[in-house]
Amino acid sequence: MTITVPDVLGADARTIEAFYNRIQETTPAQAYEIDMSQVSFIRPYGLLALVIAGRHLRQVSGNKILLNRMQLKVHQYLERMALFEIENNWFDVDSPLQERWNRDPKTANLLELTLVSTIEDVNAVVSRAENIYSKWLSISHINNLINVLSELCTNVFEHSGDRYGCVLIQKVEIQGQAVVRLAVGDLGCGIPGSLINHCKSSDINDTLGYLIEVMHGKTTRSTGRGGLGLRQVERIAGMTGGYLWLRSHDAAITSFGSGKIQGCANLAFIPGTQIAVELYST
């Protein structure tokens, strides 16, 4: 079965939701192909959506998902991000690259797709990001970036139960302003699964309610302190003029800073938790 991907890797959340709907509606098959011909640019959250979809479809079919008709620059970029080198890779390609971009370990533009399943993985991601981005970010901005990365990666490690949770990062220049884009996601228990034993069942009736609780500081720790830490991420994103986008199961929240939340329910059901963050710096 062939699934055509819109320009989802570089588009907004609405386009990605349409892609998730297409994946949810896909009937069981022994093999899947994903037509990538419309994809022209890659944002971290778009690639995370592709990985989430690929993992799901492979669980259904038992076979790797074939990515075909990719534009050369897109194929090269995915190779450079190490998409096809990670453990238990979920994808094949219709034709191998004849020429690959060199992978610069010191590049400031991207961090390869990295699995986060141990505390050592978290420390490695944070350390590498700090070494790279400290060269051009101010001390306050690098501290914000490291705090966000640490919180989000630790959530995957401590809460999701998914050993293939992953993180991506990308830096771009837009009209002279540096933009750092982060994406972290998994197919684990999701925020409802993480909080269900810490909230009275009568208090919350839907996934969006759980997401709102998390944004208000609800924690899974018995002390009531620490926990998912998304309020800290939200605060930093809002301070820089960026945003936090949080999705779990069938609901999502977009926040442009404390008290500026937009919620959306009854989305396509995607297990686990997926988060996108944009941070801005002059």
Foldseek 3Di string as FASTA:
>chain_A
DEAEQALQQPDDPVSLLVVLVVLLPDDFDQAYEYEAQNHDDHDFQSVVSVVLSLVVNCVRNVAAYEYENHDPVVLQVLVLLVQQPDPPRRYDYPDDDPDHDDHDLQDLFKHHKFFQADVVSLVVVLVSNLNRCVVPDDPVVNVLVSVLSNLQSVCCHPAFPFRRKIKMWGWDADPNKIKIKIKTWGQGAWQCNLCVVPDDCVQDDDPQSSVVCVCVQQASDPVSPDHSCVVSNQAQLLVQQKWKWKDAFFKIWIGNHPPRIDIDGRGNGRGTMMMMIMGIDD
